Amino acid sequence: MSWDEDGTPHPLAQRRTGRSELEADRLPEMRELEVLGWEPAPEDLRRVYLPYVWPPAARTWIPDRSTHWAVDTELDGHGHITGVECAPLPEPDLRDLDREADEALAALGLPPRPWGRIWLLRPVGPFTTVAAVLEHLDAVLAAAGPSPDLPALARAELAALHESF
């Protein structure tokens, strides 16, 4: 299990540099990788550890060149929008966005994710989508009952799925 700290991003991402004003799901490299069967890793806190335990051959990452926007909306006394301002979040605020994820990982005994990455996964085993793998994984983990080492159980099941095909 690792975050591939010393690894390189997917080769399609290496053609582009610099900050983009696009959101992550609109980055050209993200769209290109989705055409090739890669899917964004789930960001919900209960699954934030998955890229850490996903089989290395079925995971990759790209640098997060996206812009996260802060939107300030002004309303009048009737609830009508009177003004909207959008501004990119500064880097310290971006790092704060990762704080909850890092806390969830620490509760599982895992190190924090490397900052500035967008993780992508490919389905493993007989499944054709990451969502289908996640449904299977949820069922397996639920059948196993409460476990202090959820990441190890997930890794073992994902590895078995990956090796079966």
N, C-alpha and C. Protein backbone atom coordinates (compact mmCIF):
# COMPACT_ATOMS: atom_id res chain seq x y z
N MET A 1 0.85 -1.18 0.00
CA MET A 1 0.00 0.00 0.00
C MET A 1 0.89 1.23 0.00
N SER A 2 0.54 2.18 -0.88
CA SER A 2 1.31 3.43 -0.91
C SER A 2 0.55 4.48 -1.69
N TRP A 3 1.01 5.71 -1.54
CA TRP A 3 0.50 6.83 -2.34
C TRP A 3 1.37 7.07 -3.56
N ASP A 4 2.32 6.16 -3.84
CA ASP A 4 3.19 6.33 -5.00
C ASP A 4 3.88 7.70 -4.95
N GLU A 5 4.43 8.00 -3.76
CA GLU A 5 5.01 9.31 -3.52
C GLU A 5 6.06 9.72 -4.54
N ASP A 6 6.86 8.76 -4.99
CA ASP A 6 7.94 9.08 -5.92
C ASP A 6 7.56 8.82 -7.37
N GLY A 7 6.32 8.39 -7.60
CA GLY A 7 5.88 8.07 -8.95
C GLY A 7 5.65 9.30 -9.80
N THR A 8 5.48 9.05 -11.07
CA THR A 8 5.21 10.14 -12.00
C THR A 8 3.76 10.10 -12.41
N PRO A 9 3.22 11.26 -12.80
CA PRO A 9 1.83 11.28 -13.24
C PRO A 9 1.67 10.52 -14.55
N HIS A 10 0.42 10.27 -14.91
CA HIS A 10 0.13 9.61 -16.17
C HIS A 10 0.77 10.40 -17.30
N PRO A 11 1.35 9.74 -18.30
CA PRO A 11 2.03 10.44 -19.40
C PRO A 11 1.16 11.48 -20.12
N LEU A 12 -0.14 11.26 -20.22
CA LEU A 12 -0.99 12.25 -20.88
C LEU A 12 -1.02 13.57 -20.12
N ALA A 13 -0.79 13.52 -18.82
CA ALA A 13 -0.81 14.74 -18.01
C ALA A 13 0.49 15.51 -18.14
N GLN A 14 1.55 14.85 -18.57
CA GLN A 14 2.85 15.51 -18.62
C GLN A 14 2.96 16.48 -19.79
N ARG A 15 2.00 16.45 -20.70
CA ARG A 15 2.03 17.37 -21.83
C ARG A 15 1.53 18.75 -21.46
N ARG A 16 0.90 18.86 -20.30
CA ARG A 16 0.30 20.14 -19.90
C ARG A 16 0.89 20.60 -18.58
N THR A 17 1.08 21.90 -18.49
CA THR A 17 1.61 22.47 -17.25
C THR A 17 0.85 23.74 -16.94
N GLY A 18 1.06 24.24 -15.76
CA GLY A 18 0.47 25.51 -15.37
C GLY A 18 -0.96 25.36 -14.89
N ARG A 19 -1.38 26.35 -14.18
CA ARG A 19 -2.74 26.38 -13.62
C ARG A 19 -3.75 26.57 -14.74
N SER A 20 -4.87 25.90 -14.62
CA SER A 20 -5.98 26.04 -15.55
C SER A 20 -7.15 26.67 -14.80
N GLU A 21 -7.93 27.46 -15.47
CA GLU A 21 -9.12 28.03 -14.84
C GLU A 21 -10.29 27.05 -14.84
N LEU A 22 -10.09 25.86 -15.40
CA LEU A 22 -11.13 24.86 -15.46
C LEU A 22 -11.22 24.09 -14.14
N GLU A 23 -12.42 23.58 -13.85
CA GLU A 23 -12.57 22.67 -12.72
C GLU A 23 -11.93 21.34 -13.10
N ALA A 24 -11.64 20.52 -12.10
CA ALA A 24 -10.90 19.27 -12.32
C ALA A 24 -11.55 18.38 -13.37
N ASP A 25 -12.87 18.23 -13.33
CA ASP A 25 -13.53 17.31 -14.26
C ASP A 25 -13.55 17.83 -15.70
N ARG A 26 -13.13 19.07 -15.90
CA ARG A 26 -13.11 19.65 -17.25
C ARG A 26 -11.70 19.78 -17.83
N LEU A 27 -10.70 19.38 -17.06
CA LEU A 27 -9.34 19.44 -17.58
C LEU A 27 -9.22 18.53 -18.81
N PRO A 28 -8.52 18.98 -19.85
CA PRO A 28 -8.39 18.15 -21.04
C PRO A 28 -7.77 16.78 -20.76
N GLU A 29 -6.77 16.72 -19.89
CA GLU A 29 -6.14 15.44 -19.59
C GLU A 29 -7.10 14.50 -18.86
N MET A 30 -7.98 15.06 -18.05
CA MET A 30 -8.98 14.25 -17.36
C MET A 30 -9.95 13.65 -18.39
N ARG A 31 -10.39 14.44 -19.31
CA ARG A 31 -11.33 13.95 -20.33
C ARG A 31 -10.66 12.90 -21.22
N GLU A 32 -9.39 13.11 -21.55
CA GLU A 32 -8.67 12.12 -22.38
C GLU A 32 -8.55 10.80 -21.65
N LEU A 33 -8.24 10.86 -20.36
CA LEU A 33 -8.09 9.62 -19.58
C LEU A 33 -9.42 8.91 -19.37
N GLU A 34 -10.49 9.66 -19.24
CA GLU A 34 -11.80 9.03 -19.11
C GLU A 34 -12.16 8.26 -20.38
N VAL A 35 -11.79 8.78 -21.53
CA VAL A 35 -12.02 8.06 -22.80
C VAL A 35 -11.26 6.74 -22.80
N LEU A 36 -10.11 6.71 -22.13
CA LEU A 36 -9.29 5.50 -22.08
C LEU A 36 -9.69 4.55 -20.93
N GLY A 37 -10.80 4.83 -20.27
CA GLY A 37 -11.30 3.93 -19.24
C GLY A 37 -10.96 4.29 -17.81
N TRP A 38 -10.30 5.41 -17.59
CA TRP A 38 -9.99 5.84 -16.23
C TRP A 38 -11.18 6.62 -15.68
N GLU A 39 -11.41 6.47 -14.38
CA GLU A 39 -12.50 7.18 -13.71
C GLU A 39 -11.94 7.91 -12.49
N PRO A 40 -12.47 9.09 -12.18
CA PRO A 40 -12.00 9.78 -10.97
C PRO A 40 -12.25 8.93 -9.72
N ALA A 41 -11.28 8.91 -8.85
CA ALA A 41 -11.44 8.20 -7.58
C ALA A 41 -12.50 8.91 -6.75
N PRO A 42 -13.27 8.15 -5.97
CA PRO A 42 -14.29 8.79 -5.13
C PRO A 42 -13.63 9.72 -4.12
N GLU A 43 -14.28 10.84 -3.87
CA GLU A 43 -13.74 11.83 -2.94
C GLU A 43 -14.43 11.80 -1.58
N ASP A 44 -15.50 10.99 -1.44
CA ASP A 44 -16.19 10.99 -0.16
C ASP A 44 -15.25 10.44 0.92
N LEU A 45 -15.41 10.95 2.13
CA LEU A 45 -14.46 10.65 3.20
C LEU A 45 -14.40 9.17 3.56
N ARG A 46 -15.47 8.43 3.40
CA ARG A 46 -15.41 7.02 3.77
C ARG A 46 -14.62 6.20 2.76
N ARG A 47 -14.34 6.77 1.58
CA ARG A 47 -13.59 6.05 0.55
C ARG A 47 -12.30 6.77 0.15
N VAL A 48 -11.91 7.76 0.90
CA VAL A 48 -10.76 8.57 0.53
C VAL A 48 -9.46 7.77 0.48
N TYR A 49 -9.44 6.62 1.14
CA TYR A 49 -8.24 5.78 1.19
C TYR A 49 -8.06 4.90 -0.05
N LEU A 50 -9.08 4.79 -0.89
CA LEU A 50 -9.05 3.80 -1.98
C LEU A 50 -7.84 3.90 -2.91
N PRO A 51 -7.42 5.08 -3.36
CA PRO A 51 -6.24 5.08 -4.22
C PRO A 51 -5.00 4.48 -3.55
N TYR A 52 -4.94 4.54 -2.23
CA TYR A 52 -3.81 4.00 -1.47
C TYR A 52 -3.76 2.48 -1.56
N VAL A 53 -4.94 1.84 -1.63
CA VAL A 53 -5.00 0.37 -1.62
C VAL A 53 -5.35 -0.23 -2.99
N TRP A 54 -5.71 0.60 -3.95
CA TRP A 54 -6.09 0.10 -5.28
C TRP A 54 -4.86 -0.51 -5.94
N PRO A 55 -5.02 -1.57 -6.71
CA PRO A 55 -3.85 -2.17 -7.38
C PRO A 55 -3.11 -1.13 -8.23
N PRO A 56 -1.80 -1.02 -8.06
CA PRO A 56 -1.04 0.01 -8.77
C PRO A 56 -1.25 0.02 -10.28
N ALA A 57 -1.44 -1.13 -10.90
CA ALA A 57 -1.63 -1.17 -12.35
C ALA A 57 -2.97 -0.59 -12.77
N ALA A 58 -3.88 -0.43 -11.82
CA ALA A 58 -5.22 0.07 -12.14
C ALA A 58 -5.49 1.43 -11.51
N ARG A 59 -4.43 2.15 -11.16
CA ARG A 59 -4.59 3.51 -10.63
C ARG A 59 -3.54 4.40 -11.26
N THR A 60 -3.86 5.66 -11.35
CA THR A 60 -2.90 6.65 -11.83
C THR A 60 -3.30 7.99 -11.22
N TRP A 61 -2.51 8.99 -11.50
CA TRP A 61 -2.84 10.32 -11.01
C TRP A 61 -2.34 11.36 -12.00
N ILE A 62 -2.94 12.52 -11.89
CA ILE A 62 -2.49 13.67 -12.68
C ILE A 62 -2.33 14.84 -11.72
N PRO A 63 -1.44 15.77 -12.06
CA PRO A 63 -1.33 16.96 -11.21
C PRO A 63 -2.65 17.74 -11.25
N ASP A 64 -3.03 18.25 -10.10
CA ASP A 64 -4.26 19.04 -10.03
C ASP A 64 -3.95 20.47 -10.47
N ARG A 65 -4.19 20.73 -11.75
CA ARG A 65 -3.99 22.06 -12.31
C ARG A 65 -5.26 22.89 -12.26
N SER A 66 -6.32 22.29 -11.73
CA SER A 66 -7.63 22.94 -11.76
C SER A 66 -7.69 24.13 -10.81
N THR A 67 -8.72 24.90 -11.00
CA THR A 67 -8.98 26.02 -10.11
C THR A 67 -10.23 25.71 -9.30
N HIS A 68 -10.11 25.90 -8.01
CA HIS A 68 -11.25 25.78 -7.12
C HIS A 68 -11.72 27.21 -6.86
N TRP A 69 -12.98 27.43 -7.09
CA TRP A 69 -13.51 28.79 -7.03
C TRP A 69 -14.28 29.04 -5.75
N ALA A 70 -14.08 30.23 -5.19
CA ALA A 70 -14.92 30.72 -4.10
C ALA A 70 -15.96 31.63 -4.75
N VAL A 71 -17.21 31.36 -4.47
CA VAL A 71 -18.30 32.14 -5.06
C VAL A 71 -19.01 32.88 -3.94
N ASP A 72 -19.05 34.20 -4.06
CA ASP A 72 -19.73 35.04 -3.08
C ASP A 72 -20.96 35.61 -3.76
N THR A 73 -22.12 35.27 -3.22
CA THR A 73 -23.38 35.72 -3.81
C THR A 73 -24.05 36.71 -2.88
N GLU A 74 -24.47 37.83 -3.43
CA GLU A 74 -25.21 38.84 -2.66
C GLU A 74 -26.68 38.73 -3.02
N LEU A 75 -27.52 38.79 -1.97
CA LEU A 75 -28.97 38.71 -2.15
C LEU A 75 -29.62 39.97 -1.61
N ASP A 76 -30.75 40.33 -2.22
CA ASP A 76 -31.51 41.45 -1.67
C ASP A 76 -32.47 40.91 -0.61
N GLY A 77 -33.30 41.75 -0.05
CA GLY A 77 -34.21 41.35 1.02
C GLY A 77 -35.27 40.35 0.58
N HIS A 78 -35.42 40.16 -0.72
CA HIS A 78 -36.42 39.22 -1.24
C HIS A 78 -35.79 37.90 -1.69
N GLY A 79 -34.51 37.76 -1.49
CA GLY A 79 -33.82 36.54 -1.89
C GLY A 79 -33.37 36.51 -3.33
N HIS A 80 -33.46 37.65 -4.01
CA HIS A 80 -33.01 37.74 -5.39
C HIS A 80 -31.51 38.02 -5.43
N ILE A 81 -30.85 37.41 -6.35
CA ILE A 81 -29.40 37.61 -6.49
C ILE A 81 -29.15 39.01 -7.05
N THR A 82 -28.32 39.76 -6.35
CA THR A 82 -27.98 41.11 -6.81
C THR A 82 -26.53 41.21 -7.27
N GLY A 83 -25.75 40.22 -6.93
CA GLY A 83 -24.35 40.25 -7.35
C GLY A 83 -23.66 38.93 -7.06
N VAL A 84 -22.72 38.60 -7.92
CA VAL A 84 -21.94 37.38 -7.75
C VAL A 84 -20.49 37.69 -8.05
N GLU A 85 -19.62 37.26 -7.15
CA GLU A 85 -18.18 37.41 -7.38
C GLU A 85 -17.54 36.04 -7.27
N CYS A 86 -16.70 35.73 -8.23
CA CYS A 86 -15.95 34.48 -8.22
C CYS A 86 -14.47 34.81 -8.14
N ALA A 87 -13.78 34.08 -7.30
CA ALA A 87 -12.34 34.28 -7.19
C ALA A 87 -11.70 32.93 -6.90
N PRO A 88 -10.51 32.69 -7.46
CA PRO A 88 -9.82 31.43 -7.15
C PRO A 88 -9.47 31.36 -5.67
N LEU A 89 -9.61 30.18 -5.10
CA LEU A 89 -9.19 29.99 -3.71
C LEU A 89 -7.67 30.06 -3.65
N PRO A 90 -7.13 30.76 -2.67
CA PRO A 90 -5.67 30.78 -2.51
C PRO A 90 -5.16 29.42 -2.01
N GLU A 91 -3.88 29.16 -2.21
CA GLU A 91 -3.30 27.87 -1.85
C GLU A 91 -3.54 27.46 -0.40
N PRO A 92 -3.40 28.37 0.58
CA PRO A 92 -3.68 27.94 1.96
C PRO A 92 -5.11 27.41 2.12
N ASP A 93 -6.08 28.01 1.45
CA ASP A 93 -7.45 27.53 1.54
C ASP A 93 -7.60 26.18 0.85
N LEU A 94 -6.85 25.97 -0.23
CA LEU A 94 -6.89 24.68 -0.91
C LEU A 94 -6.37 23.58 0.01
N ARG A 95 -5.33 23.88 0.74
CA ARG A 95 -4.77 22.88 1.66
C ARG A 95 -5.76 22.57 2.79
N ASP A 96 -6.53 23.57 3.19
CA ASP A 96 -7.56 23.34 4.21
C ASP A 96 -8.62 22.37 3.71
N LEU A 97 -8.89 22.39 2.40
CA LEU A 97 -9.87 21.46 1.83
C LEU A 97 -9.44 20.01 2.03
N ASP A 98 -8.14 19.76 2.05
CA ASP A 98 -7.62 18.40 2.23
C ASP A 98 -7.55 17.98 3.70
N ARG A 99 -7.75 18.92 4.62
CA ARG A 99 -7.59 18.61 6.04
C ARG A 99 -8.54 17.49 6.49
N GLU A 100 -9.81 17.56 6.09
CA GLU A 100 -10.77 16.53 6.49
C GLU A 100 -10.35 15.16 5.95
N ALA A 101 -9.90 15.13 4.72
CA ALA A 101 -9.45 13.87 4.13
C ALA A 101 -8.25 13.33 4.90
N ASP A 102 -7.32 14.19 5.23
CA ASP A 102 -6.14 13.75 5.99
C ASP A 102 -6.53 13.23 7.38
N GLU A 103 -7.52 13.86 8.01
CA GLU A 103 -8.00 13.39 9.31
C GLU A 103 -8.65 12.01 9.19
N ALA A 104 -9.44 11.82 8.13
CA ALA A 104 -10.07 10.51 7.91
C ALA A 104 -9.01 9.44 7.67
N LEU A 105 -7.98 9.77 6.92
CA LEU A 105 -6.90 8.82 6.67
C LEU A 105 -6.15 8.50 7.95
N ALA A 106 -5.88 9.52 8.76
CA ALA A 106 -5.17 9.31 10.02
C ALA A 106 -5.98 8.38 10.94
N ALA A 107 -7.31 8.52 10.93
CA ALA A 107 -8.15 7.65 11.76
C ALA A 107 -8.04 6.19 11.32
N LEU A 108 -7.68 5.96 10.06
CA LEU A 108 -7.48 4.61 9.55
C LEU A 108 -6.03 4.14 9.68
N GLY A 109 -5.19 5.01 10.23
CA GLY A 109 -3.78 4.67 10.40
C GLY A 109 -2.96 4.86 9.13
N LEU A 110 -3.47 5.67 8.19
CA LEU A 110 -2.78 5.88 6.92
C LEU A 110 -2.17 7.26 6.85
N PRO A 111 -1.10 7.39 6.07
CA PRO A 111 -0.48 8.71 5.93
C PRO A 111 -1.35 9.62 5.05
N PRO A 112 -1.16 10.93 5.16
CA PRO A 112 -1.92 11.84 4.30
C PRO A 112 -1.59 11.65 2.83
N ARG A 113 -2.54 12.01 1.99
CA ARG A 113 -2.32 11.92 0.54
C ARG A 113 -1.31 12.99 0.12
N PRO A 114 -0.54 12.70 -0.90
CA PRO A 114 0.31 13.76 -1.46
C PRO A 114 -0.59 14.88 -1.98
N TRP A 115 -0.20 16.08 -1.72
CA TRP A 115 -1.00 17.23 -2.11
C TRP A 115 -0.91 17.48 -3.61
N GLY A 116 -2.00 17.97 -4.19
CA GLY A 116 -1.98 18.41 -5.58
C GLY A 116 -2.14 17.32 -6.61
N ARG A 117 -2.81 16.23 -6.25
CA ARG A 117 -3.02 15.14 -7.20
C ARG A 117 -4.51 14.88 -7.38
N ILE A 118 -4.86 14.49 -8.59
CA ILE A 118 -6.19 13.98 -8.87
C ILE A 118 -5.99 12.50 -9.19
N TRP A 119 -6.62 11.63 -8.42
CA TRP A 119 -6.47 10.20 -8.58
C TRP A 119 -7.51 9.66 -9.53
N LEU A 120 -7.11 8.72 -10.36
CA LEU A 120 -8.00 8.04 -11.28
C LEU A 120 -7.82 6.54 -11.12
N LEU A 121 -8.92 5.82 -11.26
CA LEU A 121 -8.92 4.37 -11.09
C LEU A 121 -9.52 3.71 -12.32
N ARG A 122 -9.12 2.46 -12.53
CA ARG A 122 -9.76 1.62 -13.53
C ARG A 122 -10.46 0.48 -12.80
N PRO A 123 -11.56 -0.01 -13.35
CA PRO A 123 -12.23 -1.15 -12.72
C PRO A 123 -11.30 -2.36 -12.69
N VAL A 124 -11.48 -3.19 -11.69
CA VAL A 124 -10.69 -4.43 -11.57
C VAL A 124 -11.63 -5.62 -11.56
N GLY A 125 -11.08 -6.79 -11.86
CA GLY A 125 -11.87 -8.01 -11.86
C GLY A 125 -12.89 -8.01 -12.99
N PRO A 126 -14.04 -8.62 -12.75
CA PRO A 126 -15.05 -8.74 -13.80
C PRO A 126 -15.91 -7.48 -13.97
N PHE A 127 -15.61 -6.45 -13.23
CA PHE A 127 -16.47 -5.26 -13.22
C PHE A 127 -16.08 -4.29 -14.32
N THR A 128 -17.08 -3.61 -14.87
CA THR A 128 -16.84 -2.69 -15.98
C THR A 128 -16.79 -1.23 -15.56
N THR A 129 -17.15 -0.95 -14.31
CA THR A 129 -17.08 0.42 -13.81
C THR A 129 -16.50 0.41 -12.40
N VAL A 130 -15.93 1.53 -12.01
CA VAL A 130 -15.44 1.67 -10.64
C VAL A 130 -16.62 1.60 -9.67
N ALA A 131 -17.76 2.16 -10.05
CA ALA A 131 -18.94 2.11 -9.18
C ALA A 131 -19.33 0.66 -8.88
N ALA A 132 -19.25 -0.21 -9.87
CA ALA A 132 -19.57 -1.63 -9.65
C ALA A 132 -18.55 -2.27 -8.71
N VAL A 133 -17.29 -1.92 -8.85
CA VAL A 133 -16.27 -2.43 -7.93
C VAL A 133 -16.58 -1.95 -6.51
N LEU A 134 -16.96 -0.70 -6.37
CA LEU A 134 -17.26 -0.15 -5.05
C LEU A 134 -18.46 -0.83 -4.41
N GLU A 135 -19.49 -1.15 -5.20
CA GLU A 135 -20.65 -1.88 -4.66
C GLU A 135 -20.21 -3.25 -4.15
N HIS A 136 -19.40 -3.93 -4.94
CA HIS A 136 -18.89 -5.24 -4.52
C HIS A 136 -18.05 -5.11 -3.26
N LEU A 137 -17.17 -4.14 -3.24
CA LEU A 137 -16.29 -3.93 -2.09
C LEU A 137 -17.11 -3.61 -0.84
N ASP A 138 -18.14 -2.77 -0.98
CA ASP A 138 -18.99 -2.45 0.16
C ASP A 138 -19.64 -3.72 0.72
N ALA A 139 -20.11 -4.60 -0.17
CA ALA A 139 -20.75 -5.85 0.28
C ALA A 139 -19.76 -6.75 1.00
N VAL A 140 -18.56 -6.87 0.45
CA VAL A 140 -17.53 -7.71 1.08
C VAL A 140 -17.15 -7.16 2.45
N LEU A 141 -16.96 -5.86 2.53
CA LEU A 141 -16.56 -5.25 3.80
C LEU A 141 -17.69 -5.33 4.82
N ALA A 142 -18.93 -5.18 4.38
CA ALA A 142 -20.06 -5.29 5.30
C ALA A 142 -20.16 -6.72 5.85
N ALA A 143 -19.93 -7.71 4.99
CA ALA A 143 -19.98 -9.11 5.43
C ALA A 143 -18.87 -9.43 6.42
N ALA A 144 -17.75 -8.74 6.30
CA ALA A 144 -16.62 -8.97 7.20
C ALA A 144 -16.87 -8.39 8.58
N GLY A 145 -17.82 -7.46 8.67
CA GLY A 145 -18.12 -6.84 9.96
C GLY A 145 -17.13 -5.74 10.27
N PRO A 146 -17.33 -5.08 11.41
CA PRO A 146 -16.42 -3.99 11.80
C PRO A 146 -14.98 -4.50 11.89
N SER A 147 -14.09 -3.75 11.31
CA SER A 147 -12.68 -4.16 11.33
C SER A 147 -11.80 -2.96 11.62
N PRO A 148 -10.80 -3.17 12.45
CA PRO A 148 -9.88 -2.07 12.71
C PRO A 148 -8.95 -1.81 11.53
N ASP A 149 -8.87 -2.76 10.58
CA ASP A 149 -7.96 -2.58 9.47
C ASP A 149 -8.71 -2.64 8.14
N LEU A 150 -9.65 -1.73 7.97
CA LEU A 150 -10.44 -1.63 6.76
C LEU A 150 -9.57 -1.52 5.50
N PRO A 151 -8.53 -0.68 5.49
CA PRO A 151 -7.70 -0.59 4.27
C PRO A 151 -7.07 -1.92 3.88
N ALA A 152 -6.61 -2.71 4.84
CA ALA A 152 -5.98 -3.99 4.51
C ALA A 152 -7.01 -4.97 3.93
N LEU A 153 -8.21 -4.98 4.49
CA LEU A 153 -9.26 -5.84 3.94
C LEU A 153 -9.61 -5.43 2.51
N ALA A 154 -9.76 -4.12 2.30
CA ALA A 154 -10.08 -3.62 0.96
C ALA A 154 -8.95 -3.94 -0.01
N ARG A 155 -7.71 -3.74 0.41
CA ARG A 155 -6.57 -4.02 -0.46
C ARG A 155 -6.54 -5.49 -0.86
N ALA A 156 -6.78 -6.37 0.10
CA ALA A 156 -6.75 -7.81 -0.19
C ALA A 156 -7.84 -8.18 -1.20
N GLU A 157 -9.04 -7.64 -1.03
CA GLU A 157 -10.12 -7.96 -1.96
C GLU A 157 -9.84 -7.38 -3.34
N LEU A 158 -9.35 -6.15 -3.40
CA LEU A 158 -9.02 -5.53 -4.70
C LEU A 158 -7.91 -6.28 -5.40
N ALA A 159 -6.90 -6.72 -4.64
CA ALA A 159 -5.80 -7.47 -5.23
C ALA A 159 -6.30 -8.81 -5.79
N ALA A 160 -7.18 -9.47 -5.05
CA ALA A 160 -7.74 -10.74 -5.52
C ALA A 160 -8.55 -10.53 -6.79
N LEU A 161 -9.34 -9.47 -6.84
CA LEU A 161 -10.11 -9.16 -8.05
C LEU A 161 -9.18 -8.90 -9.24
N HIS A 162 -8.15 -8.10 -8.97
CA HIS A 162 -7.21 -7.73 -10.04
C HIS A 162 -6.49 -8.96 -10.59
N GLU A 163 -6.08 -9.85 -9.70
CA GLU A 163 -5.35 -11.04 -10.12
C GLU A 163 -6.25 -12.07 -10.81
N SER A 164 -7.57 -11.99 -10.56
CA SER A 164 -8.48 -12.98 -11.14
C SER A 164 -8.75 -12.74 -12.63
N PHE A 165 -8.35 -11.59 -13.13
CA PHE A 165 -8.60 -11.31 -14.55
C PHE A 165 -7.34 -10.99 -15.29
